């Protein structure tokens, strides 16, 4: 599949789904509790409230082949822009190599622009599932040794469903087309996690995620973590994970801080 064809499919899919989505409200209530994409791989299935500006930040250590690397600030900026729509910006991450000889490299990653359209919740007869679509495009803005040097499209479909008062099931179907060695490598990524609300401000989760590229071995990862909200619009999180295949990192651990502000009044 060519890059232009994939971009066209993403644009058509996002447009058609957005037109058919029921949008009786302008996103969530500004007084609602913060909902973040962190710390799990699966994104949130709902958008930030209209007029709200959300910053999600973090730090992670990754171990692969007995070598260590770090990345920060993992900053994602999300702006509630219209009816159940948010604009998204993934700020370039900085990667630090902790070894004198390592397959890790130092430098900034590429900038990623995206939009998120909330499609759910679905009618009760379909399970009252929250669902969104996130088309994105990575721009070749990073350091020479980190950047893919290509324009890389992706699309993600996160969903979630409440199972009980304290349990939630969620997951995501993703399709990426990263540039690797001057060639695109179409990659599918399913994920599934279960979240348990421990107290009103604190929850914990366990998640599985897999990457299945056209070229190269699959990556299987299991991760778990916790999030604590000291106030309705702030979140602290901690997570760690393990690779279950030779192509995946052997271990990851990280933490983060997210906050949401009301940037302008929604109608």
Foldseek 3Di string as FASTA:
>chain_A
DDPVVVVVVLVVVQVVLLVPFDQPDLFDDQLFFDAALPDDVFTDLFAHGAQKKKWKFKKKWFAAPNFIKIKDGQIKIWHSHGRRKIKIKGPWIFMGGPDPDDPDDTKTEWIKTKMKHWRDLDDVVVQRKTKIKIKMWTDQPMDPVHYLNDIKIKMKIKMKHDPDPFKIKIKMWMWIFGRDPNHTKIKIKIKIKMKGDPDPFKIKMKMWMKIDTPDDDIKIKIKIWMWGDPDRFKIKIWMKMAIPDNVYTGIMIMIIMMGMDRNDDDD
